N, C-alpha and C. Protein backbone atom coordinates (compact mmCIF):
# COMPACT_ATOMS: atom_id res chain seq x y z
N MET A 1 2.61 -6.16 -18.21
CA MET A 1 3.39 -5.67 -17.10
C MET A 1 4.83 -6.16 -17.27
N THR A 2 5.72 -5.22 -17.12
CA THR A 2 7.12 -5.58 -17.29
C THR A 2 7.65 -6.22 -16.02
N LYS A 3 8.77 -6.83 -16.16
CA LYS A 3 9.41 -7.54 -15.06
C LYS A 3 9.76 -6.60 -13.90
N GLU A 4 10.12 -5.36 -14.21
CA GLU A 4 10.52 -4.40 -13.19
C GLU A 4 9.36 -3.91 -12.35
N LEU A 5 8.14 -4.06 -12.83
CA LEU A 5 6.97 -3.54 -12.11
C LEU A 5 6.29 -4.58 -11.23
N ILE A 6 6.73 -5.81 -11.28
CA ILE A 6 6.06 -6.86 -10.50
C ILE A 6 6.21 -6.63 -9.00
N PHE A 7 7.43 -6.43 -8.53
CA PHE A 7 7.64 -6.25 -7.09
C PHE A 7 6.96 -4.99 -6.54
N PRO A 8 7.09 -3.83 -7.19
CA PRO A 8 6.37 -2.67 -6.66
C PRO A 8 4.86 -2.84 -6.64
N THR A 9 4.31 -3.53 -7.62
CA THR A 9 2.87 -3.77 -7.65
C THR A 9 2.45 -4.66 -6.49
N ILE A 10 3.22 -5.69 -6.21
CA ILE A 10 2.94 -6.56 -5.06
C ILE A 10 3.04 -5.77 -3.77
N LEU A 11 4.03 -4.88 -3.68
CA LEU A 11 4.20 -4.06 -2.49
C LEU A 11 3.02 -3.12 -2.30
N ILE A 12 2.50 -2.55 -3.36
CA ILE A 12 1.34 -1.66 -3.27
C ILE A 12 0.12 -2.44 -2.77
N VAL A 13 -0.07 -3.62 -3.30
CA VAL A 13 -1.20 -4.46 -2.88
C VAL A 13 -1.07 -4.83 -1.40
N LEU A 14 0.13 -5.17 -0.97
CA LEU A 14 0.35 -5.51 0.44
C LEU A 14 0.14 -4.31 1.35
N ASP A 15 0.52 -3.12 0.90
CA ASP A 15 0.27 -1.91 1.68
C ASP A 15 -1.23 -1.67 1.86
N ILE A 16 -1.98 -1.87 0.81
CA ILE A 16 -3.44 -1.70 0.89
C ILE A 16 -4.05 -2.76 1.79
N CYS A 17 -3.56 -3.98 1.72
CA CYS A 17 -4.05 -5.05 2.60
C CYS A 17 -3.73 -4.75 4.06
N ALA A 18 -2.57 -4.17 4.32
CA ALA A 18 -2.22 -3.80 5.69
C ALA A 18 -3.17 -2.70 6.19
N ALA A 19 -3.50 -1.74 5.34
CA ALA A 19 -4.46 -0.71 5.73
C ALA A 19 -5.82 -1.30 6.03
N LEU A 20 -6.25 -2.25 5.22
CA LEU A 20 -7.54 -2.89 5.44
C LEU A 20 -7.55 -3.71 6.74
N ALA A 21 -6.41 -4.25 7.11
CA ALA A 21 -6.33 -5.05 8.33
C ALA A 21 -6.51 -4.19 9.58
N TYR A 22 -6.15 -2.92 9.51
CA TYR A 22 -6.28 -2.03 10.67
C TYR A 22 -7.65 -1.34 10.73
N MET A 23 -8.45 -1.44 9.70
CA MET A 23 -9.76 -0.78 9.71
C MET A 23 -10.72 -1.33 10.77
N PRO A 24 -10.82 -2.64 10.97
CA PRO A 24 -11.77 -3.13 11.99
C PRO A 24 -11.44 -2.65 13.40
N SER A 25 -10.17 -2.43 13.70
CA SER A 25 -9.79 -1.98 15.04
C SER A 25 -9.85 -0.46 15.17
N CYS A 26 -10.23 0.23 14.10
CA CYS A 26 -10.35 1.70 14.07
C CYS A 26 -9.05 2.40 14.44
N ASP A 27 -7.94 1.83 14.06
CA ASP A 27 -6.64 2.47 14.26
C ASP A 27 -6.34 3.30 13.01
N TRP A 28 -6.92 4.49 12.95
CA TRP A 28 -6.91 5.29 11.73
C TRP A 28 -5.54 5.82 11.38
N ARG A 29 -4.68 6.00 12.38
CA ARG A 29 -3.32 6.47 12.07
C ARG A 29 -2.57 5.44 11.24
N LYS A 30 -2.71 4.17 11.58
CA LYS A 30 -2.03 3.12 10.81
C LYS A 30 -2.68 2.93 9.45
N VAL A 31 -3.99 3.11 9.38
CA VAL A 31 -4.67 3.02 8.09
C VAL A 31 -4.15 4.10 7.15
N VAL A 32 -4.07 5.32 7.64
CA VAL A 32 -3.56 6.42 6.82
C VAL A 32 -2.10 6.19 6.45
N TYR A 33 -1.32 5.68 7.39
CA TYR A 33 0.10 5.40 7.13
C TYR A 33 0.26 4.42 5.98
N TRP A 34 -0.46 3.31 6.02
CA TRP A 34 -0.30 2.29 4.98
C TRP A 34 -0.88 2.74 3.65
N LEU A 35 -1.95 3.52 3.68
CA LEU A 35 -2.48 4.05 2.42
C LEU A 35 -1.51 5.07 1.82
N ALA A 36 -0.89 5.88 2.68
CA ALA A 36 0.11 6.83 2.18
C ALA A 36 1.32 6.11 1.60
N ALA A 37 1.70 5.00 2.22
CA ALA A 37 2.81 4.22 1.67
C ALA A 37 2.46 3.65 0.30
N ALA A 38 1.22 3.21 0.13
CA ALA A 38 0.78 2.69 -1.17
C ALA A 38 0.77 3.79 -2.22
N VAL A 39 0.28 4.97 -1.85
CA VAL A 39 0.24 6.09 -2.79
C VAL A 39 1.65 6.54 -3.15
N LEU A 40 2.51 6.62 -2.17
CA LEU A 40 3.89 7.04 -2.45
C LEU A 40 4.61 6.04 -3.36
N THR A 41 4.43 4.76 -3.09
CA THR A 41 5.04 3.74 -3.93
C THR A 41 4.51 3.79 -5.35
N SER A 42 3.21 3.98 -5.49
CA SER A 42 2.64 4.05 -6.84
C SER A 42 3.08 5.32 -7.57
N ALA A 43 3.21 6.43 -6.84
CA ALA A 43 3.65 7.68 -7.47
C ALA A 43 5.09 7.57 -7.96
N VAL A 44 5.92 6.91 -7.21
CA VAL A 44 7.32 6.76 -7.60
C VAL A 44 7.47 5.73 -8.72
N THR A 45 6.66 4.69 -8.67
CA THR A 45 6.80 3.58 -9.62
C THR A 45 6.19 3.90 -10.97
N TYR A 46 4.98 4.42 -10.97
CA TYR A 46 4.27 4.64 -12.24
C TYR A 46 4.31 6.11 -12.59
């Protein structure tokens, strides 16, 4: 992994963790939001 990909990868992981944090409360709008943010970041980065 190159130096330039470290921060976006951490951001993707944090986005997925945020989505997982909203799953127990069944707040599906926020789950979809954070998963979409992770997908968008990964699409732009990789």
